[in-house]
């Protein structure tokens, strides 16, 4: 298997092309590949496969009308589980498709389990991912338990589930283990949890525990979820939100009801396994 390693603000992925759907990785194989000592090492895997090779049961209805040769981003978490969406993954996937000659840029339409999305290479070399509309739940309607502490959280859906918790001293929160939540039925398929410091209109600090991957240095959809919830707290509308994560800085742009994630997407090396 030929692969390329890439990252978006140090949220890293193993990318490989499988246009004809011939390499269906098992959960065990995904865990091996993502193992940072025994395998290649990554937060997740991005398989580029044609839409027609994905079982219909895994697809939202809107994709049935798409060109069957559309590139599909088959994303797997490091623990082998399947995920609906990955924001930084979409940005790295866009870079991988274009740089590998699998498609032409600067804009690429990509099918995902959350529906159609797109990535675009910007003039400065950064990559913008269109992540659609963010659906917010009732503010502070869930309780997140992490490191022996309780936090009020707001549900947010960016194609995948999030709980956004505003607090202080996020560097001291112990998130080595998967946080739990109340009520349990709030997130039946698990949840990504963001711990956020509000630095004033347009600027946030963030740490995240990703469902299926643990703490990562950046989470694209988590950054968007946090920015969307924060925007409801600020007195005036904000079109660009700067979000600082352990892996760097990402930007969220809101336009016409949609969210766009902007930041670096870098391919670091290729190899064969």
Protein backbone atom coordinates (compact mmCIF):
# COMPACT_ATOMS: atom_id res chain seq x y z
CA UNK A 1 0.00 0.00 0.00
CA UNK A 2 1.42 3.37 -1.03
CA UNK A 3 0.64 6.16 1.41
CA UNK A 4 1.29 9.82 2.11
CA UNK A 5 1.51 11.36 5.56
CA UNK A 6 0.04 14.81 6.12
CA UNK A 7 -1.18 17.10 8.85
CA UNK A 8 -3.32 20.16 9.46
CA UNK A 9 -1.96 22.10 12.45
CA UNK A 10 -0.35 18.83 13.61
CA UNK A 11 -3.63 16.92 13.45
CA UNK A 12 -2.06 14.15 11.37
CA UNK A 13 -3.39 11.62 8.89
CA UNK A 14 -2.33 8.72 6.69
CA UNK A 15 -3.68 9.28 3.17
CA UNK A 16 -3.90 6.71 0.41
CA UNK A 17 -5.67 6.36 -2.92
CA UNK A 18 -7.97 3.40 -3.51
CA UNK A 19 -10.12 4.53 -6.46
CA UNK A 20 -11.55 1.08 -7.17
CA UNK A 21 -12.33 0.20 -3.56
CA UNK A 22 -9.90 -2.70 -3.33
CA UNK A 23 -8.37 -1.91 0.08
CA UNK A 24 -11.00 -2.17 2.81
CA UNK A 25 -9.05 -1.80 6.04
CA UNK A 26 -10.20 -3.62 9.15
CA UNK A 27 -10.37 -1.84 12.50
CA UNK A 28 -7.32 -3.83 13.61
CA UNK A 29 -5.35 -2.68 10.55
CA UNK A 30 -6.33 0.95 11.15
CA UNK A 31 -5.15 0.72 14.76
CA UNK A 32 -1.84 -0.77 13.59
CA UNK A 33 -1.28 1.92 10.95
CA UNK A 34 -2.06 4.74 13.40
CA UNK A 35 0.14 3.30 16.17
CA UNK A 36 3.00 5.76 16.69
CA UNK A 37 5.47 3.04 17.69
CA UNK A 38 4.47 -0.08 15.76
CA UNK A 39 2.97 1.55 12.66
CA UNK A 40 3.19 4.84 10.78
CA UNK A 41 1.45 6.93 13.42
CA UNK A 42 -1.55 9.22 12.94
CA UNK A 43 -4.77 10.56 14.44
CA UNK A 44 -6.69 8.91 11.63
CA UNK A 45 -6.73 7.51 8.09
CA UNK A 46 -8.06 9.15 4.92
CA UNK A 47 -8.88 6.75 2.08
CA UNK A 48 -9.60 8.33 -1.31
CA UNK A 49 -12.16 6.08 -2.96
CA UNK A 50 -14.81 6.64 -5.62
CA UNK A 51 -18.29 7.23 -4.22
CA UNK A 52 -19.73 4.25 -6.13
CA UNK A 53 -17.71 1.83 -3.99
CA UNK A 54 -19.20 2.97 -0.66
CA UNK A 55 -22.14 0.89 0.65
CA UNK A 56 -25.37 2.92 0.34
CA UNK A 57 -26.20 2.25 3.98
CA UNK A 58 -23.23 4.43 4.97
CA UNK A 59 -24.33 7.40 2.86
CA UNK A 60 -26.73 10.28 3.46
CA UNK A 61 -29.54 10.46 0.91
CA UNK A 62 -28.15 13.60 -0.74
CA UNK A 63 -25.19 11.65 -2.11
CA UNK A 64 -27.35 9.28 -4.16
CA UNK A 65 -27.78 12.00 -6.80
CA UNK A 66 -24.04 12.74 -7.06
CA UNK A 67 -21.68 11.56 -9.78
CA UNK A 68 -20.65 8.03 -8.75
CA UNK A 69 -17.03 8.86 -9.65
CA UNK A 70 -16.88 11.69 -7.10
CA UNK A 71 -14.02 11.28 -4.64
CA UNK A 72 -15.23 10.06 -1.25
CA UNK A 73 -13.28 10.78 1.94
CA UNK A 74 -13.43 7.54 3.89
CA UNK A 75 -12.24 8.67 7.31
CA UNK A 76 -11.36 6.32 10.16
CA UNK A 77 -10.37 7.33 13.69
CA UNK A 78 -7.16 5.99 15.17
CA UNK A 79 -9.10 3.37 17.14
CA UNK A 80 -10.56 1.95 13.92
CA UNK A 81 -14.02 3.43 14.26
CA UNK A 82 -15.76 5.15 11.36
CA UNK A 83 -16.49 8.89 11.57
CA UNK A 84 -18.92 11.08 9.66
CA UNK A 85 -16.66 14.06 9.16
CA UNK A 86 -13.20 15.51 9.86
CA UNK A 87 -12.48 19.18 9.25
CA UNK A 88 -8.68 19.13 9.23
CA UNK A 89 -8.89 15.80 7.44
CA UNK A 90 -10.90 17.44 4.65
CA UNK A 91 -8.24 20.11 4.27
CA UNK A 92 -5.42 17.54 4.14
CA UNK A 93 -7.52 15.35 1.82
CA UNK A 94 -7.91 18.30 -0.56
CA UNK A 95 -4.15 18.85 -0.60
CA UNK A 96 -3.53 15.13 -1.13
CA UNK A 97 -5.95 14.82 -4.07
CA UNK A 98 -4.48 17.84 -5.86
CA UNK A 99 -0.80 17.23 -5.14
CA UNK A 100 -1.14 13.56 -6.11
CA UNK A 101 -2.69 14.47 -9.46
CA UNK A 102 -5.95 12.70 -8.61
CA UNK A 103 -7.93 15.85 -9.41
CA UNK A 104 -7.45 19.45 -10.41
CA UNK A 105 -7.75 22.44 -8.10
CA UNK A 106 -7.93 24.88 -6.63
CA UNK A 107 -11.42 23.75 -5.51
CA UNK A 108 -12.37 20.12 -4.96
CA UNK A 109 -15.83 18.74 -4.22
CA UNK A 110 -15.66 15.82 -1.81
CA UNK A 111 -18.33 13.35 -0.70
CA UNK A 112 -18.35 12.46 3.01
CA UNK A 113 -20.62 10.60 5.41
CA UNK A 114 -21.90 14.03 6.45
CA UNK A 115 -22.80 14.94 2.85
CA UNK A 116 -21.06 16.95 0.13
CA UNK A 117 -18.25 19.24 1.24
CA UNK A 118 -15.47 21.10 -0.56
CA UNK A 119 -11.86 22.16 -0.07
CA UNK A 120 -10.05 25.05 -1.72
CA UNK A 121 -6.36 25.96 -1.98
CA UNK A 122 -5.98 29.66 -1.20
CA UNK A 123 -3.47 32.07 -2.75
CA UNK A 124 -1.20 31.92 0.32
CA UNK A 125 -1.06 28.11 0.18
CA UNK A 126 -3.41 27.50 3.09
CA UNK A 127 -6.50 25.35 2.60
CA UNK A 128 -10.10 26.34 3.28
CA UNK A 129 -12.69 23.64 3.96
CA UNK A 130 -16.40 24.35 3.55
CA UNK A 131 -18.12 22.61 6.45
CA UNK A 132 -21.70 23.75 5.89
CA UNK A 133 -24.11 24.85 8.60
CA UNK A 134 -23.46 24.32 12.29
CA UNK A 135 -26.48 23.16 14.29
CA UNK A 136 -26.41 24.29 17.92
CA UNK A 137 -28.24 22.68 20.82
CA UNK A 138 -29.52 24.34 23.97
CA UNK A 139 -26.74 26.29 25.72
CA UNK A 140 -25.21 24.47 28.71
CA UNK A 141 -27.72 21.63 28.39
CA UNK A 142 -25.19 18.83 28.94
CA UNK A 143 -22.65 18.13 31.67
CA UNK A 144 -19.18 16.90 30.73
CA UNK A 145 -17.08 15.06 33.30
CA UNK A 146 -13.31 15.09 32.73
CA UNK A 147 -10.35 14.75 35.08
CA UNK A 148 -12.63 14.61 38.11
CA UNK A 149 -14.27 17.93 37.19
CA UNK A 150 -17.66 18.88 35.78
CA UNK A 151 -18.21 21.35 32.96
CA UNK A 152 -21.35 22.77 31.38
CA UNK A 153 -21.44 21.99 27.67
CA UNK A 154 -23.38 23.13 24.63
CA UNK A 155 -24.11 20.53 21.91
CA UNK A 156 -23.05 21.43 18.37
CA UNK A 157 -23.32 19.40 15.18
CA UNK A 158 -20.77 20.00 12.40
CA UNK A 159 -21.65 16.81 10.59
CA UNK A 160 -20.34 15.04 13.68
CA UNK A 161 -21.25 15.58 17.37
CA UNK A 162 -19.52 18.05 19.72
CA UNK A 163 -19.90 19.36 23.26
CA UNK A 164 -18.39 22.82 23.70
CA UNK A 165 -17.39 23.78 27.25
CA UNK A 166 -16.30 27.32 28.13
CA UNK A 167 -14.00 27.51 31.12
CA UNK A 168 -10.61 28.83 32.28
CA UNK A 169 -7.25 27.16 32.86
CA UNK A 170 -7.73 24.66 30.04
CA UNK A 171 -4.04 23.68 30.15
CA UNK A 172 -4.60 22.06 33.55
CA UNK A 173 -7.59 19.90 32.58
CA UNK A 174 -6.79 16.18 32.52
CA UNK A 175 -8.23 14.77 29.29
CA UNK A 176 -6.05 11.69 28.91
CA UNK A 177 -9.22 9.59 29.18
CA UNK A 178 -12.49 9.87 27.28
CA UNK A 179 -14.75 12.36 29.09
CA UNK A 180 -18.20 11.16 30.10
CA UNK A 181 -21.44 13.11 29.78
CA UNK A 182 -24.87 13.57 31.26
CA UNK A 183 -27.51 12.80 30.24
CA UNK A 184 -26.09 9.66 28.58
CA UNK A 185 -28.69 9.81 25.79
CA UNK A 186 -27.38 13.22 24.67
CA UNK A 187 -24.67 11.61 22.54
CA UNK A 188 -25.61 8.01 21.73
CA UNK A 189 -22.72 7.66 19.25
CA UNK A 190 -20.09 9.35 21.37
CA UNK A 191 -18.91 12.97 21.24
CA UNK A 192 -15.92 15.21 20.63
CA UNK A 193 -15.38 17.50 23.61
CA UNK A 194 -13.91 21.02 23.37
CA UNK A 195 -12.59 22.97 26.36
CA UNK A 196 -12.50 26.63 25.39
CA UNK A 197 -11.16 29.88 26.81
CA UNK A 198 -13.00 32.94 25.51
CA UNK A 199 -10.42 35.67 24.93
CA UNK A 200 -12.97 38.22 23.73
CA UNK A 201 -14.83 38.70 20.44
CA UNK A 202 -13.06 36.88 17.63
CA UNK A 203 -10.44 34.93 19.59
CA UNK A 204 -10.39 31.59 21.43
CA UNK A 205 -7.97 29.11 23.00
CA UNK A 206 -8.99 25.45 22.71
CA UNK A 207 -8.09 21.91 23.72
CA UNK A 208 -10.03 18.92 22.47
CA UNK A 209 -10.60 15.25 23.19
CA UNK A 210 -11.64 13.61 19.94
CA UNK A 211 -13.98 10.65 19.88
CA UNK A 212 -11.94 7.65 18.77
CA UNK A 213 -8.55 9.41 18.77
CA UNK A 214 -8.04 10.93 22.24
CA UNK A 215 -6.54 14.38 22.70
CA UNK A 216 -5.28 15.77 19.39
CA UNK A 217 -3.27 18.91 18.70
CA UNK A 218 -6.11 20.30 16.58
CA UNK A 219 -9.64 19.30 15.61
CA UNK A 220 -11.12 21.12 12.65
CA UNK A 221 -14.78 20.45 13.30
CA UNK A 222 -14.17 21.12 17.01
CA UNK A 223 -12.67 24.49 16.18
CA UNK A 224 -15.73 25.32 14.06
CA UNK A 225 -18.12 24.11 16.76
CA UNK A 226 -16.39 26.25 19.40
CA UNK A 227 -16.39 29.32 17.14
CA UNK A 228 -20.09 28.88 16.36
CA UNK A 229 -21.06 28.62 20.03
CA UNK A 230 -18.77 31.51 20.98
CA UNK A 231 -20.37 33.71 18.34
CA UNK A 232 -23.68 33.44 20.21
CA UNK A 233 -21.99 34.78 23.36
CA UNK A 234 -20.47 37.90 21.85
CA UNK A 235 -22.45 41.15 21.64
CA UNK A 236 -21.71 41.87 17.97
CA UNK A 237 -21.51 39.56 14.92
CA UNK A 238 -18.01 38.26 14.16
CA UNK A 239 -17.16 37.00 10.67
CA UNK A 240 -13.65 35.65 11.36
CA UNK A 241 -12.70 33.79 14.54
CA UNK A 242 -9.07 33.03 15.42
CA UNK A 243 -8.75 29.76 17.35
CA UNK A 244 -5.46 28.81 18.98
CA UNK A 245 -4.93 25.08 19.49
CA UNK A 246 -1.82 23.21 20.70
CA UNK A 247 -0.84 22.54 17.07
CA UNK A 248 -1.09 26.13 15.86
CA UNK A 249 -3.75 28.63 14.81
CA UNK A 250 -6.84 28.04 12.70
CA UNK A 251 -9.45 30.47 11.46
CA UNK A 252 -13.19 30.06 11.07
CA UNK A 253 -15.07 32.23 8.59
CA UNK A 254 -18.84 32.54 8.67
CA UNK A 255 -20.61 33.50 5.46
CA UNK A 256 -24.24 33.10 4.38
CA UNK A 257 -24.96 30.73 7.24
CA UNK A 258 -22.05 28.38 6.43
CA UNK A 259 -18.76 27.82 8.25
CA UNK A 260 -15.35 27.67 6.58
CA UNK A 261 -12.21 26.34 8.25
CA UNK A 262 -8.89 27.89 7.17
CA UNK A 263 -5.35 26.86 8.00
CA UNK A 264 -2.24 25.00 6.83
CA UNK A 265 -2.41 21.54 5.27
CA UNK A 266 0.99 19.95 4.76
CA UNK A 267 2.08 16.68 3.15
CA UNK A 268 5.26 15.58 4.90
CA UNK A 269 6.36 12.29 3.34
CA UNK A 270 5.30 9.28 1.27
CA UNK A 271 6.13 5.61 1.53
CA UNK A 272 5.03 2.06 0.91
CA UNK A 273 3.75 -0.44 3.44
